[in-house]
Amino acid sequence: MNIGFDTSQMLHGAVLTVELAAGGVGVSLVLGALGGLARSRGPRWLRWLIVGYVELVRGLPQILQLFILYFGLTQFGINLSPFTAGFIWMCFYGTGYAIEIFRAGISGVHPGQLEASTALGLSRFQSFRRVVLPQAVARMVPPLTTFVILELKNTTLLYIIGVPEIMYHANLLASNSQPLNIYLIAVGFYLVMNMTLGRLGAYVEHKMSWAKS
């Protein structure tokens, strides 16, 4: 197929897409782990606060969250660059979902195992780290894989505020020539990245299958 245009711009967009997704996932997993632990074991007031945050993330359309962050904050003199606003939004949105993944993983381990391990002489922290956490992480691998793929796809929304990721460059090129070819190349980029993540997640799940038993 004769492409007839320079694909280097889309390649640069793909690199930025990966950087945004990787950064957003990294921050979201750290905050999600803390939030999920607090959601499962924290005091009542903190649990309710986290529930409110999760419901806010789930209840508002993604594009509205992004617009409030990028356009709405200018009313208070806060002017974020497109990249900064996009990255903060991905962390904000991703953390809400990561919290529920970690909460479900921790809650899925029977409480009796924690009690039994403490009865055998382990401290509560040691019991959580050696008994509960390995099983919880093994249970979380499939939803975490889906979450990482979701965050990668969420980067497509950022072109609306001017972040030069894959869809930003694809739309620019498509406005000049051969839109079908250009969008098919964008499809190829996303399929390669998402299939790679899916295979990696399946590999990790297989390697950690021992922890579920």
Protein backbone atom coordinates (compact mmCIF):
# COMPACT_ATOMS: atom_id res chain seq x y z
CA MET A 1 0.00 0.00 0.00
CA ASN A 2 1.33 3.43 -0.94
CA ILE A 3 1.07 5.47 2.21
CA GLY A 4 2.07 8.78 0.64
CA PHE A 5 2.78 10.69 3.85
CA ASP A 6 5.37 10.87 6.59
CA THR A 7 4.44 8.57 9.48
CA SER A 8 7.20 9.90 11.76
CA GLN A 9 4.73 12.31 13.38
CA MET A 10 2.47 9.44 14.38
CA LEU A 11 5.50 7.58 15.71
CA HIS A 12 6.32 10.56 17.93
CA GLY A 13 2.67 10.58 19.00
CA ALA A 14 2.91 6.89 19.88
CA VAL A 15 5.94 7.56 22.08
CA LEU A 16 4.08 10.32 23.91
CA THR A 17 1.04 8.05 24.24
CA VAL A 18 3.15 5.38 25.94
CA GLU A 19 4.77 7.97 28.23
CA LEU A 20 1.41 9.37 29.31
CA ALA A 21 -0.11 5.94 29.85
CA ALA A 22 2.92 4.63 31.75
CA GLY A 23 3.08 7.70 34.00
CA GLY A 24 -0.66 7.69 34.62
CA VAL A 25 -0.69 3.99 35.42
CA GLY A 26 2.32 4.28 37.75
CA VAL A 27 0.85 7.10 39.82
CA SER A 28 -2.62 5.53 39.81
CA LEU A 29 -1.32 2.19 41.06
CA VAL A 30 0.56 3.76 43.96
CA LEU A 31 -2.38 5.93 45.01
CA GLY A 32 -4.82 3.13 44.24
CA ALA A 33 -2.94 0.69 46.48
CA LEU A 34 -3.01 3.16 49.38
CA GLY A 35 -6.64 4.02 48.73
CA GLY A 36 -7.66 0.38 48.36
CA LEU A 37 -5.99 -0.53 51.64
CA ALA A 38 -7.64 2.40 53.40
CA ARG A 39 -10.97 1.49 51.78
CA SER A 40 -10.71 -2.04 53.20
CA ARG A 41 -9.03 -1.44 56.57
CA GLY A 42 -9.25 2.28 57.30
CA PRO A 43 -11.51 4.22 59.68
CA ARG A 44 -15.12 4.81 58.69
CA TRP A 45 -14.71 8.49 57.80
CA LEU A 46 -11.80 7.71 55.48
CA ARG A 47 -13.70 4.87 53.82
CA TRP A 48 -16.63 7.16 53.10
CA LEU A 49 -14.31 9.82 51.71
CA ILE A 50 -12.73 7.32 49.34
CA VAL A 51 -16.14 5.98 48.30
CA GLY A 52 -17.19 9.53 47.42
CA TYR A 53 -14.07 10.00 45.30
CA VAL A 54 -14.58 6.71 43.46
CA GLU A 55 -18.23 7.53 42.76
CA LEU A 56 -17.22 10.97 41.47
CA VAL A 57 -14.79 9.38 39.02
CA ARG A 58 -17.35 6.81 37.90
CA GLY A 59 -20.30 9.17 37.75
CA LEU A 60 -18.89 12.03 35.68
CA PRO A 61 -18.23 11.66 31.94
CA GLN A 62 -14.52 11.50 31.19
CA ILE A 63 -14.57 14.44 28.81
CA LEU A 64 -16.32 16.61 31.44
CA GLN A 65 -13.62 15.78 34.00
CA LEU A 66 -10.94 16.71 31.48
CA PHE A 67 -12.63 19.98 30.51
CA ILE A 68 -13.12 21.04 34.14
CA LEU A 69 -9.44 20.43 34.80
CA TYR A 70 -8.13 22.15 31.67
CA PHE A 71 -10.65 24.93 31.04
CA GLY A 72 -12.45 25.31 34.38
CA LEU A 73 -9.37 25.97 36.50
CA THR A 74 -8.46 29.00 34.37
CA GLN A 75 -11.29 30.83 36.17
CA PHE A 76 -9.14 30.64 39.31
CA GLY A 77 -5.96 31.72 37.54
CA ILE A 78 -4.63 28.17 37.18
CA ASN A 79 -3.42 27.67 33.62
CA LEU A 80 -2.18 24.15 32.98
CA SER A 81 -0.42 23.09 29.81
CA PRO A 82 -2.26 20.47 27.73
CA PHE A 83 0.28 17.80 28.71
CA THR A 84 0.10 18.62 32.43
CA ALA A 85 -3.70 18.74 32.44
CA GLY A 86 -3.89 15.49 30.51
CA PHE A 87 -1.46 13.73 32.83
CA ILE A 88 -3.21 14.93 35.99
CA TRP A 89 -6.57 13.82 34.60
CA MET A 90 -5.25 10.36 33.76
CA CYS A 91 -3.95 10.01 37.32
CA PHE A 92 -7.21 11.33 38.78
CA TYR A 93 -9.37 9.01 36.68
CA GLY A 94 -7.07 6.01 36.93
CA THR A 95 -6.74 6.21 40.71
CA GLY A 96 -10.51 5.88 41.11
CA TYR A 97 -10.51 2.59 39.24
CA ALA A 98 -7.28 1.33 40.79
CA ILE A 99 -8.71 1.83 44.28
CA GLU A 100 -11.59 -0.54 43.53
CA ILE A 101 -9.27 -3.12 41.98
CA PHE A 102 -7.06 -3.18 45.07
CA ARG A 103 -10.05 -3.16 47.42
CA ALA A 104 -11.61 -6.14 45.64
CA GLY A 105 -8.30 -8.00 45.61
CA ILE A 106 -7.72 -7.51 49.34
CA SER A 107 -11.34 -8.29 50.24
CA GLY A 108 -11.20 -11.46 48.14
CA VAL A 109 -8.76 -13.08 50.57
CA HIS A 110 -10.64 -14.83 53.38
CA PRO A 111 -10.18 -12.98 56.71
CA GLY A 112 -9.58 -16.29 58.44
CA GLN A 113 -6.19 -16.59 56.75
CA LEU A 114 -5.03 -13.37 58.40
CA GLU A 115 -6.29 -14.56 61.77
CA ALA A 116 -4.66 -17.98 61.36
CA SER A 117 -1.28 -16.51 60.44
CA THR A 118 -1.32 -14.14 63.42
CA ALA A 119 -2.19 -17.12 65.64
CA LEU A 120 0.96 -18.82 64.35
CA GLY A 121 3.10 -15.98 65.66
CA LEU A 122 3.31 -13.58 62.70
CA SER A 123 2.65 -9.91 63.33
CA ARG A 124 -0.34 -8.35 61.59
CA PHE A 125 1.97 -6.59 59.13
CA GLN A 126 3.91 -9.80 58.41
CA SER A 127 0.65 -11.70 57.94
CA PHE A 128 -0.62 -9.11 55.49
CA ARG A 129 2.65 -8.99 53.53
CA ARG A 130 3.32 -12.74 53.40
CA VAL A 131 -0.17 -14.22 53.30
CA VAL A 132 -2.77 -11.70 52.17
CA LEU A 133 -0.82 -9.56 49.72
CA PRO A 134 0.53 -12.35 47.43
CA GLN A 135 -2.97 -13.80 47.02
CA ALA A 136 -4.52 -10.37 46.50
CA VAL A 137 -1.98 -9.41 43.83
CA ALA A 138 -2.51 -12.70 41.98
CA ARG A 139 -6.26 -12.06 41.91
CA MET A 140 -5.72 -8.50 40.70
CA VAL A 141 -3.59 -9.30 37.64
CA PRO A 142 -6.52 -9.70 35.15
CA PRO A 143 -8.35 -6.50 36.18
CA LEU A 144 -5.05 -4.62 36.39
CA THR A 145 -4.23 -5.70 32.83
CA THR A 146 -7.61 -4.38 31.69
CA PHE A 147 -6.98 -1.17 33.63
CA VAL A 148 -3.60 -0.56 31.95
CA ILE A 149 -5.18 -1.07 28.51
CA LEU A 150 -8.00 1.30 29.48
CA GLU A 151 -5.52 3.99 30.50
CA LEU A 152 -3.71 3.59 27.18
CA LYS A 153 -6.97 4.07 25.29
CA ASN A 154 -7.90 7.03 27.48
CA THR A 155 -5.01 8.98 25.95
CA THR A 156 -7.11 9.33 22.78
CA LEU A 157 -9.28 11.91 24.57
CA LEU A 158 -6.32 14.18 25.18
CA TYR A 159 -6.08 15.30 21.55
CA ILE A 160 -9.17 17.44 22.24
CA ILE A 161 -7.12 19.77 24.46
CA GLY A 162 -4.10 19.70 22.14
CA VAL A 163 -1.90 16.93 23.53
CA PRO A 164 0.09 15.64 20.50
CA GLU A 165 -0.53 11.90 21.00
CA ILE A 166 -1.45 9.41 18.25
CA MET A 167 -4.98 10.66 17.54
CA TYR A 168 -3.83 14.28 17.47
CA HIS A 169 -1.37 13.57 14.66
CA ALA A 170 -3.78 11.19 12.93
CA ASN A 171 -6.46 13.88 12.74
CA LEU A 172 -3.98 16.46 11.46
CA LEU A 173 -2.77 14.12 8.72
CA ALA A 174 -6.28 12.93 7.88
CA SER A 175 -7.43 16.50 7.29
CA ASN A 176 -4.94 16.75 4.43
CA SER A 177 -5.05 13.38 2.67
CA GLN A 178 -5.93 9.68 2.80
CA PRO A 179 -7.92 9.61 6.05
CA LEU A 180 -8.69 5.88 5.83
CA ASN A 181 -5.03 4.90 5.48
CA ILE A 182 -4.05 7.20 8.31
CA TYR A 183 -6.69 5.91 10.71
CA LEU A 184 -5.79 2.31 9.82
CA ILE A 185 -2.20 3.05 10.81
CA ALA A 186 -3.49 4.48 14.10
CA VAL A 187 -5.48 1.26 14.56
CA GLY A 188 -2.27 -0.69 14.01
CA PHE A 189 -0.43 1.28 16.70
CA TYR A 190 -3.16 0.67 19.28
CA LEU A 191 -3.59 -3.00 18.41
CA VAL A 192 0.13 -3.69 18.76
CA MET A 193 0.34 -1.92 22.11
CA ASN A 194 -2.85 -3.40 23.55
CA MET A 195 -2.12 -6.94 22.37
CA THR A 196 1.37 -6.69 23.87
CA LEU A 197 -0.10 -5.59 27.19
CA GLY A 198 -2.68 -8.39 27.05
CA ARG A 199 -0.01 -11.04 26.43
CA LEU A 200 2.16 -9.62 29.20
CA GLY A 201 -0.77 -9.70 31.62
CA ALA A 202 -1.55 -13.32 30.72
CA TYR A 203 2.10 -14.25 31.28
CA VAL A 204 2.20 -12.60 34.71
CA GLU A 205 -1.11 -14.22 35.66
CA HIS A 206 0.25 -17.65 34.69
CA LYS A 207 3.44 -17.11 36.69
CA MET A 208 1.47 -16.04 39.78
CA SER A 209 -1.16 -18.77 39.60
CA TRP A 210 0.51 -20.50 42.57
CA ALA A 211 -0.51 -17.64 44.85
CA LYS A 212 -4.22 -18.22 44.25
CA SER A 213 -4.16 -21.74 45.62
